[in-house]
Amino acid sequence: VRARVLDGLSGYMGDETTSQIFFREGWFYSGDLGTFRADGRLALGGRVTDVVNVLGNKLATGPMERALQDQLGAEGVCMLSLPGPDGDDEVHVVIELRGQLTLPELEALAKGPLRAIPRLKFTVLPVLPRNAMGKVLRVKVRQLLEQGQGHR
């Protein structure tokens, strides 16, 4: 969903990075997924940032993240997709874990609950960036991955 920006609004005050993501070329990209129904009304279908594209299928990350967090005993899990070296999306599972995660545990995840997701990448961070309410800041996690931070 996007909306034409009026009156020169160009971003969030004091947050240039997020502004560049959501405000582009006179448009505000809300981060919502939407489709127009047959009657012409807009139906919202979730958040772009909470959805990964797997072979053209949009998958909600929330249920998968909660299941992985419970299975691993992790402090938090964040899933998102980023373009790989060839331009195709890769799904990244970013795990906030205080202890160690073994290779067999990761292989079990890749063969178990995540088996339908190709091009899977795992990253462990000591702490996931969060807002004051404790919600994971996906934009910040994306930036950390793009900067090559975390243990893969």
C-alpha atoms as a PDB file:
ATOM      1  CA  VAL A   1       0.000   0.000   0.000  1.00  0.00           C
ATOM      2  CA  ARG A   2       1.312   3.442  -0.836  1.00  0.00           C
ATOM      3  CA  ALA A   3      -0.162   6.931  -0.566  1.00  0.00           C
ATOM      4  CA  ARG A   4       0.762  10.150  -2.359  1.00  0.00           C
ATOM      5  CA  VAL A   5       2.395  12.570   0.069  1.00  0.00           C
ATOM      6  CA  LEU A   6       0.902  16.064   0.238  1.00  0.00           C
ATOM      7  CA  ASP A   7       2.260  19.281   1.712  1.00  0.00           C
ATOM      8  CA  GLY A   8       5.938  18.315   1.391  1.00  0.00           C
ATOM      9  CA  LEU A   9       6.030  15.669   4.111  1.00  0.00           C
ATOM     10  CA  SER A  10       9.207  13.718   3.426  1.00  0.00           C
ATOM     11  CA  GLY A  11       9.957  11.514   6.414  1.00  0.00           C
ATOM     12  CA  TYR A  12      10.005  10.808  10.100  1.00  0.00           C
ATOM     13  CA  MET A  13      11.520  13.523  12.283  1.00  0.00           C
ATOM     14  CA  GLY A  14      15.005  12.520  13.427  1.00  0.00           C
ATOM     15  CA  ASP A  15      15.044   9.138  11.665  1.00  0.00           C
ATOM     16  CA  GLU A  16      16.636   9.477   8.234  1.00  0.00           C
ATOM     17  CA  THR A  17      17.227   5.750   7.768  1.00  0.00           C
ATOM     18  CA  THR A  18      13.592   4.764   8.295  1.00  0.00           C
ATOM     19  CA  SER A  19      12.445   7.778   6.281  1.00  0.00           C
ATOM     20  CA  GLN A  20      14.404   6.555   3.254  1.00  0.00           C
ATOM     21  CA  ILE A  21      12.673   3.179   3.497  1.00  0.00           C
ATOM     22  CA  PHE A  22       9.090   4.443   3.826  1.00  0.00           C
ATOM     23  CA  PHE A  23       9.178   7.749   1.882  1.00  0.00           C
ATOM     24  CA  ARG A  24      10.253   7.599  -1.765  1.00  0.00           C
ATOM     25  CA  GLU A  25       9.631   9.843  -4.786  1.00  0.00           C
ATOM     26  CA  GLY A  26       6.614  11.621  -3.286  1.00  0.00           C
ATOM     27  CA  TRP A  27       5.011   8.451  -1.935  1.00  0.00           C
ATOM     28  CA  PHE A  28       4.595   7.018   1.560  1.00  0.00           C
ATOM     29  CA  TYR A  29       4.923   3.223   1.651  1.00  0.00           C
ATOM     30  CA  SER A  30       3.022   2.195   4.764  1.00  0.00           C
ATOM     31  CA  GLY A  31       4.438  -1.312   5.023  1.00  0.00           C
ATOM     32  CA  ASP A  32       0.961  -2.826   4.712  1.00  0.00           C
ATOM     33  CA  LEU A  33      -0.003  -5.494   2.186  1.00  0.00           C
ATOM     34  CA  GLY A  34      -3.277  -4.747   0.459  1.00  0.00           C
ATOM     35  CA  THR A  35      -5.502  -5.846  -2.388  1.00  0.00           C
ATOM     36  CA  PHE A  36      -8.530  -4.275  -3.953  1.00  0.00           C
ATOM     37  CA  ARG A  37     -11.677  -6.332  -3.577  1.00  0.00           C
ATOM     38  CA  ALA A  38     -14.228  -6.755  -6.383  1.00  0.00           C
ATOM     39  CA  ASP A  39     -16.308  -3.952  -4.853  1.00  0.00           C
ATOM     40  CA  GLY A  40     -13.320  -1.562  -5.116  1.00  0.00           C
ATOM     41  CA  ARG A  41     -12.574  -1.466  -1.390  1.00  0.00           C
ATOM     42  CA  LEU A  42      -9.026  -1.922  -0.102  1.00  0.00           C
ATOM     43  CA  ALA A  43      -8.503  -5.007   2.063  1.00  0.00           C
ATOM     44  CA  LEU A  44      -5.392  -5.041   4.254  1.00  0.00           C
ATOM     45  CA  GLY A  45      -3.613  -8.372   4.535  1.00  0.00           C
ATOM     46  CA  GLY A  46      -0.796  -7.881   7.005  1.00  0.00           C
ATOM     47  CA  ARG A  47       2.532  -6.111   7.125  1.00  0.00           C
ATOM     48  CA  VAL A  48       5.211  -6.379   4.454  1.00  0.00           C
ATOM     49  CA  THR A  49       7.848  -6.416   7.155  1.00  0.00           C
ATOM     50  CA  ASP A  50       6.174  -9.385   8.866  1.00  0.00           C
ATOM     51  CA  VAL A  51       5.991 -11.463   5.676  1.00  0.00           C
ATOM     52  CA  VAL A  52       8.643 -13.328   3.693  1.00  0.00           C
ATOM     53  CA  ASN A  53       8.369 -14.248   0.051  1.00  0.00           C
ATOM     54  CA  VAL A  54       9.174 -17.924  -0.515  1.00  0.00           C
ATOM     55  CA  LEU A  55       8.989 -18.951  -4.164  1.00  0.00           C
ATOM     56  CA  GLY A  56       6.216 -16.409  -4.753  1.00  0.00           C
ATOM     57  CA  ASN A  57       4.265 -17.415  -1.641  1.00  0.00           C
ATOM     58  CA  LYS A  58       3.874 -14.826   1.104  1.00  0.00           C
ATOM     59  CA  LEU A  59       4.383 -16.413   4.522  1.00  0.00           C
ATOM     60  CA  ALA A  60       3.621 -14.674   7.826  1.00  0.00           C
ATOM     61  CA  THR A  61       6.727 -14.788   9.980  1.00  0.00           C
ATOM     62  CA  GLY A  62       5.062 -14.400  13.398  1.00  0.00           C
ATOM     63  CA  PRO A  63       3.929 -18.005  13.909  1.00  0.00           C
ATOM     64  CA  MET A  64       7.243 -19.397  12.620  1.00  0.00           C
ATOM     65  CA  GLU A  65       9.263 -17.030  14.815  1.00  0.00           C
ATOM     66  CA  ARG A  66       7.314 -17.982  17.942  1.00  0.00           C
ATOM     67  CA  ALA A  67       7.669 -21.706  17.202  1.00  0.00           C
ATOM     68  CA  LEU A  68      11.429 -21.380  16.630  1.00  0.00           C
ATOM     69  CA  GLN A  69      11.857 -19.256  19.752  1.00  0.00           C
ATOM     70  CA  ASP A  70      10.083 -21.902  21.834  1.00  0.00           C
ATOM     71  CA  GLN A  71      11.969 -24.788  20.208  1.00  0.00           C
ATOM     72  CA  LEU A  72      15.380 -23.172  20.722  1.00  0.00           C
ATOM     73  CA  GLY A  73      14.688 -21.522  24.062  1.00  0.00           C
ATOM     74  CA  ALA A  74      15.862 -18.305  22.407  1.00  0.00           C
ATOM     75  CA  GLU A  75      15.275 -14.792  23.700  1.00  0.00           C
ATOM     76  CA  GLY A  76      13.943 -13.805  20.272  1.00  0.00           C
ATOM     77  CA  VAL A  77      13.776 -14.793  16.594  1.00  0.00           C
ATOM     78  CA  CYS A  78      13.347 -12.521  13.579  1.00  0.00           C
ATOM     79  CA  MET A  79      12.801 -13.807  10.032  1.00  0.00           C
ATOM     80  CA  LEU A  80      13.184 -11.611   6.972  1.00  0.00           C
ATOM     81  CA  SER A  81      14.205 -11.873   3.361  1.00  0.00           C
ATOM     82  CA  LEU A  82      17.078 -10.127   1.637  1.00  0.00           C
ATOM     83  CA  PRO A  83      18.295 -10.338  -1.940  1.00  0.00           C
ATOM     84  CA  GLY A  84      21.078 -12.882  -2.373  1.00  0.00           C
ATOM     85  CA  PRO A  85      24.145 -12.429  -4.579  1.00  0.00           C
ATOM     86  CA  ASP A  86      22.163 -13.497  -7.653  1.00  0.00           C
ATOM     87  CA  GLY A  87      19.229 -11.181  -6.863  1.00  0.00           C
ATOM     88  CA  ASP A  88      16.877 -13.929  -5.650  1.00  0.00           C
ATOM     89  CA  ASP A  89      15.512 -13.608  -2.113  1.00  0.00           C
ATOM     90  CA  GLU A  90      17.161 -15.508   0.728  1.00  0.00           C
ATOM     91  CA  VAL A  91      15.279 -16.047   3.987  1.00  0.00           C
ATOM     92  CA  HIS A  92      17.317 -15.080   7.032  1.00  0.00           C
ATOM     93  CA  VAL A  93      16.545 -16.435  10.496  1.00  0.00           C
ATOM     94  CA  VAL A  94      18.141 -14.135  13.060  1.00  0.00           C
ATOM     95  CA  ILE A  95      18.287 -15.609  16.540  1.00  0.00           C
ATOM     96  CA  GLU A  96      18.910 -13.814  19.836  1.00  0.00           C
ATOM     97  CA  LEU A  97      20.523 -16.505  21.894  1.00  0.00           C
ATOM     98  CA  ARG A  98      22.523 -16.271  25.078  1.00  0.00           C
ATOM     99  CA  GLY A  99      23.943 -19.816  24.855  1.00  0.00           C
ATOM    100  CA  GLN A 100      25.404 -21.839  22.014  1.00  0.00           C
ATOM    101  CA  LEU A 101      23.537 -23.208  19.016  1.00  0.00           C
ATOM    102  CA  THR A 102      24.993 -26.369  17.540  1.00  0.00           C
ATOM    103  CA  LEU A 103      25.186 -27.332  13.883  1.00  0.00           C
ATOM    104  CA  PRO A 104      22.902 -30.377  14.453  1.00  0.00           C
ATOM    105  CA  GLU A 105      20.277 -28.068  16.004  1.00  0.00           C
ATOM    106  CA  LEU A 106      20.395 -25.791  12.947  1.00  0.00           C
ATOM    107  CA  GLU A 107      20.232 -28.751  10.588  1.00  0.00           C
ATOM    108  CA  ALA A 108      17.182 -30.040  12.495  1.00  0.00           C
ATOM    109  CA  LEU A 109      15.473 -26.664  11.987  1.00  0.00           C
ATOM    110  CA  ALA A 110      16.311 -26.637   8.285  1.00  0.00           C
ATOM    111  CA  LYS A 111      14.953 -30.181   7.876  1.00  0.00           C
ATOM    112  CA  GLY A 112      12.013 -29.697  10.245  1.00  0.00           C
ATOM    113  CA  PRO A 113       9.803 -26.636  10.581  1.00  0.00           C
ATOM    114  CA  LEU A 114      11.670 -24.675   7.900  1.00  0.00           C
ATOM    115  CA  ARG A 115      12.072 -27.492   5.353  1.00  0.00           C
ATOM    116  CA  ALA A 116       9.863 -25.763   2.761  1.00  0.00           C
ATOM    117  CA  ILE A 117      12.086 -22.677   2.717  1.00  0.00           C
ATOM    118  CA  PRO A 118      15.001 -22.809   0.282  1.00  0.00           C
ATOM    119  CA  ARG A 119      17.990 -20.483   0.502  1.00  0.00           C
ATOM    120  CA  LEU A 120      17.878 -20.357   4.289  1.00  0.00           C
ATOM    121  CA  LYS A 121      20.514 -18.436   6.245  1.00  0.00           C
ATOM    122  CA  PHE A 122      20.980 -18.380  10.032  1.00  0.00           C
ATOM    123  CA  THR A 123      22.543 -15.549  12.040  1.00  0.00           C
ATOM    124  CA  VAL A 124      22.983 -15.357  15.810  1.00  0.00           C
ATOM    125  CA  LEU A 125      23.057 -11.964  17.495  1.00  0.00           C
ATOM    126  CA  PRO A 126      23.703 -11.372  21.200  1.00  0.00           C
ATOM    127  CA  VAL A 127      20.734  -8.955  21.266  1.00  0.00           C
ATOM    128  CA  LEU A 128      18.009  -8.143  18.733  1.00  0.00           C
ATOM    129  CA  PRO A 129      17.290  -4.409  18.421  1.00  0.00           C
ATOM    130  CA  ARG A 130      13.928  -3.587  20.002  1.00  0.00           C
ATOM    131  CA  ASN A 131      11.712  -0.565  20.545  1.00  0.00           C
ATOM    132  CA  ALA A 132      10.557   0.666  23.965  1.00  0.00           C
ATOM    133  CA  MET A 133       7.653  -1.822  23.883  1.00  0.00           C
ATOM    134  CA  GLY A 134      10.014  -4.764  23.260  1.00  0.00           C
ATOM    135  CA  LYS A 135       9.015  -5.291  19.614  1.00  0.00           C
ATOM    136  CA  VAL A 136      11.872  -6.351  17.344  1.00  0.00           C
ATOM    137  CA  LEU A 137      12.905  -3.561  14.959  1.00  0.00           C
ATOM    138  CA  ARG A 138      13.042  -5.421  11.635  1.00  0.00           C
ATOM    139  CA  VAL A 139      14.481  -2.429   9.793  1.00  0.00           C
ATOM    140  CA  LYS A 140      17.407  -2.356  12.234  1.00  0.00           C
ATOM    141  CA  VAL A 141      17.883  -6.152  11.985  1.00  0.00           C
ATOM    142  CA  ARG A 142      17.989  -5.793   8.187  1.00  0.00           C
ATOM    143  CA  GLN A 143      20.642  -3.080   8.513  1.00  0.00           C
ATOM    144  CA  LEU A 144      22.756  -5.274  10.813  1.00  0.00           C
ATOM    145  CA  LEU A 145      22.613  -8.148   8.291  1.00  0.00           C
ATOM    146  CA  GLU A 146      23.499  -5.819   5.425  1.00  0.00           C
ATOM    147  CA  GLN A 147      26.515  -4.644   7.452  1.00  0.00           C
ATOM    148  CA  GLY A 148      27.593  -8.257   7.996  1.00  0.00           C
ATOM    149  CA  GLN A 149      27.072  -8.215  11.751  1.00  0.00           C
ATOM    150  CA  GLY A 150      26.259 -11.306  13.766  1.00  0.00           C
ATOM    151  CA  HIS A 151      27.669 -14.831  13.812  1.00  0.00           C
ATOM    152  CA  ARG A 152      26.555 -17.013  10.880  1.00  0.00           C
END
